[in-house]
Amino acid sequence: MSLKSPHQTAFQYGVDFQGMRYGGDGQKSFTAPVVTLSGDGCSDQDWKQFPQGSIALIEEGSQCELYERVFLAENHNASAVFFSNQQTRTSLLNTRIRIVDWKGGDRLVQIPVLSIRFFSFFLNLLFIFNFLFQLFLK
């Protein structure tokens, strides 16, 4: 994964970000704006203003499960989801993105889902400038 604008910056897999188990296909290469949500992503209301094809940036912690938020992201045409860990967490999220009691035939996530390390300075800039990320997961 790399920051494309305003300055090319590479991020290290396993340190700065990682794929989340049962997230969708990570073998994609695309450029899309990263958009923060007005809420925690647990309701359709949180997604009303979400631009189709964007990457959703969601902070961990809410009243619903991570997989519920990802399913809503898919329903609102997000191209991927980045879950930012809370400032106090020292490790990346390692949560499964699926229904806990999953059975064959239950819905699975189709879009890439990443855990990213909280960058206070970086996230503040993201909110202001809406940087573009280029996602390279191979």
Protein backbone atom coordinates (compact mmCIF):
# COMPACT_ATOMS: atom_id res chain seq x y z
CA MET A 1 0.00 0.00 0.00
CA SER A 2 1.33 3.43 -0.78
CA LEU A 3 0.29 7.03 -0.40
CA LYS A 4 0.12 8.49 -3.87
CA SER A 5 -0.50 12.19 -3.19
CA PRO A 6 0.90 14.66 -2.22
CA HIS A 7 4.16 12.74 -1.65
CA GLN A 8 4.85 9.12 -2.56
CA THR A 9 5.07 7.13 0.68
CA ALA A 10 5.23 3.36 1.13
CA PHE A 11 3.76 1.52 4.10
CA GLN A 12 5.08 -1.76 5.49
CA TYR A 13 2.81 -4.81 5.58
CA GLY A 14 2.49 -6.23 9.11
CA VAL A 15 3.72 -3.00 10.69
CA ASP A 16 1.58 -0.20 9.25
CA PHE A 17 -1.26 -2.32 7.84
CA GLN A 18 -2.39 -5.90 7.25
CA GLY A 19 -5.25 -7.73 5.60
CA MET A 20 -8.01 -8.90 7.92
CA ARG A 21 -9.06 -12.57 7.95
CA TYR A 22 -12.03 -13.31 5.72
CA GLY A 23 -11.79 -9.86 4.15
CA GLY A 24 -12.34 -9.94 0.39
CA ASP A 25 -9.85 -10.41 -2.40
CA GLY A 26 -6.67 -8.48 -1.66
CA GLN A 27 -5.18 -9.13 -5.10
CA LYS A 28 -6.29 -5.77 -6.45
CA SER A 29 -4.52 -2.69 -7.63
CA PHE A 30 -6.56 0.50 -7.73
CA THR A 31 -6.56 4.13 -6.73
CA ALA A 32 -9.46 5.55 -4.75
CA PRO A 33 -10.08 8.39 -2.31
CA VAL A 34 -10.15 7.48 1.37
CA VAL A 35 -13.29 8.82 3.04
CA THR A 36 -14.10 8.98 6.74
CA LEU A 37 -17.66 8.38 7.83
CA SER A 38 -19.85 10.78 9.78
CA GLY A 39 -20.75 7.96 12.18
CA ASP A 40 -19.35 4.58 13.15
CA GLY A 41 -20.64 2.80 10.03
CA CYS A 42 -23.28 0.74 11.84
CA SER A 43 -26.33 2.18 10.09
CA ASP A 44 -27.39 3.14 6.59
CA GLN A 45 -27.56 6.75 7.81
CA ASP A 46 -23.76 6.75 8.31
CA TRP A 47 -23.32 5.89 4.63
CA LYS A 48 -25.76 8.37 3.06
CA GLN A 49 -23.06 10.80 1.88
CA PHE A 50 -20.44 8.14 1.09
CA PRO A 51 -19.06 8.54 -2.47
CA GLN A 52 -19.34 5.30 -4.46
CA GLY A 53 -16.05 3.57 -5.19
CA SER A 54 -14.22 5.25 -2.30
CA ILE A 55 -12.29 3.47 0.45
CA ALA A 56 -14.06 3.71 3.82
CA LEU A 57 -11.87 4.66 6.79
CA ILE A 58 -13.55 3.47 10.00
CA GLU A 59 -12.17 3.59 13.54
CA GLU A 60 -12.49 0.42 15.59
CA GLY A 61 -15.01 0.34 18.41
CA SER A 62 -18.77 0.65 18.03
CA GLN A 63 -22.07 -0.95 18.96
CA CYS A 64 -22.00 -3.36 16.00
CA GLU A 65 -19.63 -6.02 14.73
CA LEU A 66 -16.88 -5.23 12.22
CA TYR A 67 -18.42 -7.56 9.64
CA GLU A 68 -21.74 -5.67 9.88
CA ARG A 69 -19.95 -2.44 9.03
CA VAL A 70 -18.16 -4.09 6.10
CA PHE A 71 -21.43 -5.50 4.73
CA LEU A 72 -22.90 -1.98 4.90
CA ALA A 73 -19.78 -0.66 3.12
CA GLU A 74 -20.31 -3.21 0.35
CA ASN A 75 -23.99 -2.31 0.12
CA HIS A 76 -22.97 1.34 -0.37
CA ASN A 77 -20.37 0.48 -3.05
CA ALA A 78 -17.15 1.02 -1.11
CA SER A 79 -14.12 -0.34 -2.97
CA ALA A 80 -12.39 -1.33 0.31
CA VAL A 81 -12.50 -0.74 4.07
CA PHE A 82 -9.64 0.42 6.29
CA PHE A 83 -10.17 -0.15 10.02
CA SER A 84 -7.97 2.18 12.06
CA ASN A 85 -7.00 0.88 15.46
CA GLN A 86 -7.61 3.15 18.44
CA GLN A 87 -4.81 5.43 19.57
CA THR A 88 -4.13 3.34 22.68
CA ARG A 89 -3.80 0.04 20.81
CA THR A 90 -0.20 -0.98 20.10
CA SER A 91 -1.00 -3.77 17.63
CA LEU A 92 -2.99 -4.05 14.43
CA LEU A 93 -6.52 -5.45 14.59
CA ASN A 94 -6.62 -9.20 14.02
CA THR A 95 -10.38 -9.76 13.90
CA ARG A 96 -12.24 -12.07 11.53
CA ILE A 97 -14.55 -10.26 9.13
CA ARG A 98 -17.35 -12.79 9.08
CA ILE A 99 -20.40 -13.85 11.04
CA VAL A 100 -19.24 -15.59 14.25
CA ASP A 101 -21.43 -18.66 13.67
CA TRP A 102 -20.74 -18.75 9.93
CA LYS A 103 -22.16 -21.70 8.03
CA GLY A 104 -21.72 -22.74 4.41
CA GLY A 105 -23.83 -20.48 2.22
CA ASP A 106 -23.69 -17.48 4.58
CA ARG A 107 -22.56 -14.21 3.06
CA LEU A 108 -18.82 -13.53 2.79
CA VAL A 109 -17.09 -10.19 2.31
CA GLN A 110 -16.02 -9.48 -1.28
CA ILE A 111 -14.04 -6.21 -0.91
CA PRO A 112 -10.54 -5.88 0.62
CA VAL A 113 -10.53 -5.13 4.35
CA LEU A 114 -7.36 -3.83 6.02
CA SER A 115 -6.34 -3.00 9.54
CA ILE A 116 -4.21 0.15 9.64
CA ARG A 117 -2.19 1.56 12.50
CA PHE A 118 -3.47 4.78 14.02
CA PHE A 119 -1.42 7.72 12.79
CA SER A 120 -2.59 10.82 14.65
CA PHE A 121 -0.80 13.24 12.36
CA PHE A 122 -1.57 11.23 9.25
CA LEU A 123 -5.28 10.91 10.02
CA ASN A 124 -5.61 14.62 10.71
CA LEU A 125 -4.09 15.36 7.31
CA LEU A 126 -6.36 12.77 5.75
CA PHE A 127 -9.44 14.53 7.06
CA ILE A 128 -8.22 17.86 5.66
CA PHE A 129 -6.80 16.87 2.28
CA ASN A 130 -8.61 13.58 1.51
CA PHE A 131 -5.46 11.89 0.21
CA LEU A 132 -5.55 9.22 -2.43
CA PHE A 133 -4.19 5.80 -1.63
CA GLN A 134 -3.00 3.30 -4.07
CA LEU A 135 -3.68 -0.17 -2.80
CA PHE A 136 -1.22 -2.85 -3.75
CA LEU A 137 -1.88 -6.15 -2.01
CA LYS A 138 -0.07 -9.04 -3.54
